[in-house]
Amino acid sequence: MRAVRDVEVTTHYLKDDGIVPNSPYPLLVYPGAIDAQGGDLASAIEDVFAKNTWDRSWRNGIYSFHHYHSTAHEVLGIAKGNAKVHMGGPNGVTFSIEAGDVMIIPAGVGHKNLGASADLLVIGAYPPGPSWDLCRESTSEHGQALINIPNVPNPSADPVYGEDGPLMNLWKR
């Protein structure tokens, strides 16, 4: 893992567009934050997330449709390959991500895979709290999402840097 001082943390505020609620908290991107140091990067990412209590994890890719979670925050660590992801719903922003990158997605922020290498492997995880739901871009889910999102508890630790990580200062109620 690279020291937080060596990672250019970027923040992105994404507004509610009436379909995808997004969040008052910023999307956080940590480029090249985790390095396997000669080992298996997927396992290294899982270990870092679990050490920081983001231990409800999975291995897969990113859905190719706009979706968001209204009941949980999510972290994505890229273990292999690369992808273009669209964040924030149809009016959001596009990022290129690659192995070692981490994205911390607040509840409500839309995300979609626009295209990926054949070997893309993503480690996703959630902090303690309610189970995650899966919402698609629609006005019918938007209203309930606006009720759910403020009730999602803030994480007790940044998934990469722990209790002193950037998330702790950037996601304050």
C-alpha atoms as a PDB file:
ATOM      1  CA  MET A   1       0.000   0.000   0.000  1.00  0.00           C
ATOM      2  CA  ARG A   2       1.297   3.438  -0.898  1.00  0.00           C
ATOM      3  CA  ALA A   3       1.378   6.094   1.812  1.00  0.00           C
ATOM      4  CA  VAL A   4      -1.530   8.508   1.571  1.00  0.00           C
ATOM      5  CA  ARG A   5       0.942  11.364   1.054  1.00  0.00           C
ATOM      6  CA  ASP A   6       2.151   9.576  -2.104  1.00  0.00           C
ATOM      7  CA  VAL A   7      -1.343   9.179  -3.595  1.00  0.00           C
ATOM      8  CA  GLU A   8      -3.082  12.035  -5.381  1.00  0.00           C
ATOM      9  CA  VAL A   9      -6.541  11.690  -3.835  1.00  0.00           C
ATOM     10  CA  THR A  10      -9.198  13.231  -6.061  1.00  0.00           C
ATOM     11  CA  THR A  11     -12.681  14.237  -4.986  1.00  0.00           C
ATOM     12  CA  HIS A  12     -15.705  14.546  -7.247  1.00  0.00           C
ATOM     13  CA  TYR A  13     -19.037  16.004  -6.161  1.00  0.00           C
ATOM     14  CA  LEU A  14     -21.908  14.642  -8.250  1.00  0.00           C
ATOM     15  CA  LYS A  15     -25.342  16.269  -8.169  1.00  0.00           C
ATOM     16  CA  ASP A  16     -28.781  14.707  -8.063  1.00  0.00           C
ATOM     17  CA  ASP A  17     -30.176  14.718 -11.601  1.00  0.00           C
ATOM     18  CA  GLY A  18     -33.700  13.616 -10.667  1.00  0.00           C
ATOM     19  CA  ILE A  19     -32.947  10.032 -11.723  1.00  0.00           C
ATOM     20  CA  VAL A  20     -29.690   9.141  -9.958  1.00  0.00           C
ATOM     21  CA  PRO A  21     -29.616  10.802  -6.514  1.00  0.00           C
ATOM     22  CA  ASN A  22     -25.825  10.830  -6.070  1.00  0.00           C
ATOM     23  CA  SER A  23     -24.597  12.177  -2.731  1.00  0.00           C
ATOM     24  CA  PRO A  24     -23.572  15.266  -0.799  1.00  0.00           C
ATOM     25  CA  TYR A  25     -20.352  13.326  -0.078  1.00  0.00           C
ATOM     26  CA  PRO A  26     -17.669  13.279  -2.751  1.00  0.00           C
ATOM     27  CA  LEU A  27     -16.669  10.257  -4.783  1.00  0.00           C
ATOM     28  CA  LEU A  28     -13.042   9.552  -3.808  1.00  0.00           C
ATOM     29  CA  VAL A  29     -10.458   8.180  -6.236  1.00  0.00           C
ATOM     30  CA  TYR A  30      -7.079   6.919  -5.018  1.00  0.00           C
ATOM     31  CA  PRO A  31      -4.951   6.171  -8.114  1.00  0.00           C
ATOM     32  CA  GLY A  32      -2.397   3.410  -7.583  1.00  0.00           C
ATOM     33  CA  ALA A  33      -3.155   3.208  -3.863  1.00  0.00           C
ATOM     34  CA  ILE A  34      -2.576  -0.525  -3.428  1.00  0.00           C
ATOM     35  CA  ASP A  35       0.424  -2.494  -4.662  1.00  0.00           C
ATOM     36  CA  ALA A  36       0.734  -6.266  -4.311  1.00  0.00           C
ATOM     37  CA  GLN A  37       4.482  -5.958  -3.650  1.00  0.00           C
ATOM     38  CA  GLY A  38       5.141  -9.115  -5.629  1.00  0.00           C
ATOM     39  CA  GLY A  39       2.089 -10.989  -4.358  1.00  0.00           C
ATOM     40  CA  ASP A  40      -1.493 -11.388  -5.495  1.00  0.00           C
ATOM     41  CA  LEU A  41      -3.092  -7.943  -5.879  1.00  0.00           C
ATOM     42  CA  ALA A  42      -6.664  -9.234  -5.413  1.00  0.00           C
ATOM     43  CA  SER A  43      -5.766 -10.785  -2.057  1.00  0.00           C
ATOM     44  CA  ALA A  44      -3.807  -7.676  -1.049  1.00  0.00           C
ATOM     45  CA  ILE A  45      -6.843  -5.469  -1.759  1.00  0.00           C
ATOM     46  CA  GLU A  46      -9.155  -7.786   0.190  1.00  0.00           C
ATOM     47  CA  ASP A  47      -6.732  -7.775   3.129  1.00  0.00           C
ATOM     48  CA  VAL A  48      -6.453  -3.970   3.184  1.00  0.00           C
ATOM     49  CA  PHE A  49     -10.233  -3.507   3.003  1.00  0.00           C
ATOM     50  CA  ALA A  50     -10.887  -6.146   5.695  1.00  0.00           C
ATOM     51  CA  LYS A  51      -8.242  -4.680   8.019  1.00  0.00           C
ATOM     52  CA  ASN A  52     -10.183  -1.409   7.848  1.00  0.00           C
ATOM     53  CA  THR A  53     -13.597  -3.051   8.511  1.00  0.00           C
ATOM     54  CA  TRP A  54     -14.800  -2.981   4.888  1.00  0.00           C
ATOM     55  CA  ASP A  55     -14.984  -6.771   4.981  1.00  0.00           C
ATOM     56  CA  ARG A  56     -18.230  -7.631   3.192  1.00  0.00           C
ATOM     57  CA  SER A  57     -16.393  -8.201  -0.075  1.00  0.00           C
ATOM     58  CA  TRP A  58     -16.875  -9.748  -3.496  1.00  0.00           C
ATOM     59  CA  ARG A  59     -14.832 -10.396  -6.667  1.00  0.00           C
ATOM     60  CA  ASN A  60     -16.309  -9.634 -10.089  1.00  0.00           C
ATOM     61  CA  GLY A  61     -16.543  -6.731 -12.529  1.00  0.00           C
ATOM     62  CA  ILE A  62     -18.717  -3.616 -12.738  1.00  0.00           C
ATOM     63  CA  TYR A  63     -22.228  -3.755 -14.192  1.00  0.00           C
ATOM     64  CA  SER A  64     -22.630  -2.309 -17.689  1.00  0.00           C
ATOM     65  CA  PHE A  65     -25.737  -0.330 -16.705  1.00  0.00           C
ATOM     66  CA  HIS A  66     -26.127   2.722 -14.483  1.00  0.00           C
ATOM     67  CA  HIS A  67     -26.838   1.588 -10.949  1.00  0.00           C
ATOM     68  CA  TYR A  68     -26.332   2.729  -7.384  1.00  0.00           C
ATOM     69  CA  HIS A  69     -26.817   1.568  -3.821  1.00  0.00           C
ATOM     70  CA  SER A  70     -29.138   3.614  -1.602  1.00  0.00           C
ATOM     71  CA  THR A  71     -28.465   1.632   1.572  1.00  0.00           C
ATOM     72  CA  ALA A  72     -24.668   1.243   1.584  1.00  0.00           C
ATOM     73  CA  HIS A  73     -21.406   2.918   0.659  1.00  0.00           C
ATOM     74  CA  GLU A  74     -19.113   0.836  -1.578  1.00  0.00           C
ATOM     75  CA  VAL A  75     -15.412   0.640  -2.344  1.00  0.00           C
ATOM     76  CA  LEU A  76     -13.997  -0.764  -5.589  1.00  0.00           C
ATOM     77  CA  GLY A  77     -10.377  -1.870  -5.845  1.00  0.00           C
ATOM     78  CA  ILE A  78      -9.055  -2.781  -9.273  1.00  0.00           C
ATOM     79  CA  ALA A  79      -7.084  -6.020  -8.949  1.00  0.00           C
ATOM     80  CA  LYS A  80      -6.443  -6.720 -12.619  1.00  0.00           C
ATOM     81  CA  GLY A  81      -6.990  -5.043 -15.964  1.00  0.00           C
ATOM     82  CA  ASN A  82      -8.527  -1.660 -16.666  1.00  0.00           C
ATOM     83  CA  ALA A  83     -11.877  -0.061 -17.431  1.00  0.00           C
ATOM     84  CA  LYS A  84     -13.687   3.131 -18.278  1.00  0.00           C
ATOM     85  CA  VAL A  85     -16.385   3.833 -15.731  1.00  0.00           C
ATOM     86  CA  HIS A  86     -19.088   6.458 -15.814  1.00  0.00           C
ATOM     87  CA  MET A  87     -19.900   7.857 -12.388  1.00  0.00           C
ATOM     88  CA  GLY A  88     -22.921   9.894 -11.331  1.00  0.00           C
ATOM     89  CA  GLY A  89     -25.513   8.710 -13.832  1.00  0.00           C
ATOM     90  CA  PRO A  90     -26.043   9.852 -17.429  1.00  0.00           C
ATOM     91  CA  ASN A  91     -24.883  13.412 -16.675  1.00  0.00           C
ATOM     92  CA  GLY A  92     -21.847  12.344 -14.647  1.00  0.00           C
ATOM     93  CA  VAL A  93     -18.148  11.985 -15.391  1.00  0.00           C
ATOM     94  CA  THR A  94     -16.001   9.252 -16.938  1.00  0.00           C
ATOM     95  CA  PHE A  95     -12.823   7.836 -15.407  1.00  0.00           C
ATOM     96  CA  SER A  96     -10.184   5.429 -16.623  1.00  0.00           C
ATOM     97  CA  ILE A  97      -9.185   3.026 -13.856  1.00  0.00           C
ATOM     98  CA  GLU A  98      -6.494   0.366 -13.700  1.00  0.00           C
ATOM     99  CA  ALA A  99      -4.930  -2.189 -11.392  1.00  0.00           C
ATOM    100  CA  GLY A 100      -4.091  -0.685  -8.001  1.00  0.00           C
ATOM    101  CA  ASP A 101      -6.688   2.101  -8.198  1.00  0.00           C
ATOM    102  CA  VAL A 102      -9.413   2.470  -5.571  1.00  0.00           C
ATOM    103  CA  MET A 103     -12.757   4.286  -5.847  1.00  0.00           C
ATOM    104  CA  ILE A 104     -14.830   4.979  -2.732  1.00  0.00           C
ATOM    105  CA  ILE A 105     -18.447   5.454  -3.745  1.00  0.00           C
ATOM    106  CA  PRO A 106     -20.910   7.114  -1.370  1.00  0.00           C
ATOM    107  CA  ALA A 107     -24.422   5.687  -1.159  1.00  0.00           C
ATOM    108  CA  GLY A 108     -26.495   7.041  -4.043  1.00  0.00           C
ATOM    109  CA  VAL A 109     -23.683   7.619  -6.542  1.00  0.00           C
ATOM    110  CA  GLY A 110     -24.374   5.951  -9.874  1.00  0.00           C
ATOM    111  CA  HIS A 111     -21.737   3.880 -11.615  1.00  0.00           C
ATOM    112  CA  LYS A 112     -21.505   2.002 -14.922  1.00  0.00           C
ATOM    113  CA  ASN A 113     -18.829   0.084 -16.830  1.00  0.00           C
ATOM    114  CA  LEU A 114     -18.384   1.655 -20.284  1.00  0.00           C
ATOM    115  CA  GLY A 115     -15.840  -0.926 -21.410  1.00  0.00           C
ATOM    116  CA  ALA A 116     -13.090  -2.984 -19.858  1.00  0.00           C
ATOM    117  CA  SER A 117     -10.167  -5.219 -20.638  1.00  0.00           C
ATOM    118  CA  ALA A 118     -11.029  -8.917 -20.815  1.00  0.00           C
ATOM    119  CA  ASP A 119      -9.073  -9.581 -17.619  1.00  0.00           C
ATOM    120  CA  LEU A 120     -10.797  -6.939 -15.449  1.00  0.00           C
ATOM    121  CA  LEU A 121     -11.085  -8.082 -11.835  1.00  0.00           C
ATOM    122  CA  VAL A 122     -12.672  -5.805  -9.257  1.00  0.00           C
ATOM    123  CA  ILE A 123     -12.737  -6.292  -5.501  1.00  0.00           C
ATOM    124  CA  GLY A 124     -15.785  -4.586  -4.055  1.00  0.00           C
ATOM    125  CA  ALA A 125     -16.599  -4.215  -0.375  1.00  0.00           C
ATOM    126  CA  TYR A 126     -18.996  -2.537   2.019  1.00  0.00           C
ATOM    127  CA  PRO A 127     -18.487  -1.237   5.563  1.00  0.00           C
ATOM    128  CA  PRO A 128     -20.547  -2.524   8.482  1.00  0.00           C
ATOM    129  CA  GLY A 129     -24.154  -1.423   8.267  1.00  0.00           C
ATOM    130  CA  PRO A 130     -27.270  -2.210   6.296  1.00  0.00           C
ATOM    131  CA  SER A 131     -27.163  -4.686   3.418  1.00  0.00           C
ATOM    132  CA  TRP A 132     -26.677  -3.130   0.021  1.00  0.00           C
ATOM    133  CA  ASP A 133     -29.509  -2.789  -2.460  1.00  0.00           C
ATOM    134  CA  LEU A 134     -29.320  -2.385  -6.233  1.00  0.00           C
ATOM    135  CA  CYS A 135     -31.110   0.576  -7.775  1.00  0.00           C
ATOM    136  CA  ARG A 136     -31.189   1.434 -11.457  1.00  0.00           C
ATOM    137  CA  GLU A 137     -31.603   4.858 -12.962  1.00  0.00           C
ATOM    138  CA  SER A 138     -35.328   5.527 -12.701  1.00  0.00           C
ATOM    139  CA  THR A 139     -37.663   8.083 -11.243  1.00  0.00           C
ATOM    140  CA  SER A 140     -39.608   5.280  -9.531  1.00  0.00           C
ATOM    141  CA  GLU A 141     -36.649   4.341  -7.266  1.00  0.00           C
ATOM    142  CA  HIS A 142     -35.389   7.896  -6.800  1.00  0.00           C
ATOM    143  CA  GLY A 143     -37.866   8.933  -4.074  1.00  0.00           C
ATOM    144  CA  GLN A 144     -37.158   5.991  -1.786  1.00  0.00           C
ATOM    145  CA  ALA A 145     -33.429   6.409  -2.385  1.00  0.00           C
ATOM    146  CA  LEU A 146     -33.626   9.999  -1.131  1.00  0.00           C
ATOM    147  CA  ILE A 147     -35.127   8.630   2.098  1.00  0.00           C
ATOM    148  CA  ASN A 148     -32.566   5.812   2.437  1.00  0.00           C
ATOM    149  CA  ILE A 149     -29.323   7.655   1.680  1.00  0.00           C
ATOM    150  CA  PRO A 150     -29.234  10.032   4.697  1.00  0.00           C
ATOM    151  CA  ASN A 151     -29.773   7.018   6.973  1.00  0.00           C
ATOM    152  CA  VAL A 152     -26.668   5.169   5.780  1.00  0.00           C
ATOM    153  CA  PRO A 153     -24.125   5.394   8.624  1.00  0.00           C
ATOM    154  CA  ASN A 154     -20.744   6.909   7.963  1.00  0.00           C
ATOM    155  CA  PRO A 155     -17.943   4.334   7.895  1.00  0.00           C
ATOM    156  CA  SER A 156     -15.742   4.078  10.983  1.00  0.00           C
ATOM    157  CA  ALA A 157     -12.612   3.902   8.814  1.00  0.00           C
ATOM    158  CA  ASP A 158     -11.307   4.713   5.353  1.00  0.00           C
ATOM    159  CA  PRO A 159     -11.133   1.354   3.477  1.00  0.00           C
ATOM    160  CA  VAL A 160      -7.483   1.895   2.513  1.00  0.00           C
ATOM    161  CA  TYR A 161      -5.954   4.186   5.146  1.00  0.00           C
ATOM    162  CA  GLY A 162      -8.029   3.399   8.231  1.00  0.00           C
ATOM    163  CA  GLU A 163      -9.146   5.802  10.930  1.00  0.00           C
ATOM    164  CA  ASP A 164      -6.778   8.560   9.749  1.00  0.00           C
ATOM    165  CA  GLY A 165      -7.584   8.251   6.038  1.00  0.00           C
ATOM    166  CA  PRO A 166      -8.864  11.036   3.787  1.00  0.00           C
ATOM    167  CA  LEU A 167     -12.439   9.734   3.859  1.00  0.00           C
ATOM    168  CA  MET A 168     -12.689  10.550   7.563  1.00  0.00           C
ATOM    169  CA  ASN A 169     -12.227  14.282   6.898  1.00  0.00           C
ATOM    170  CA  LEU A 170     -14.080  14.447   3.593  1.00  0.00           C
ATOM    171  CA  TRP A 171     -17.274  12.635   4.633  1.00  0.00           C
ATOM    172  CA  LYS A 172     -18.472  14.583   7.650  1.00  0.00           C
ATOM    173  CA  ARG A 173     -22.146  15.060   8.433  1.00  0.00           C
END
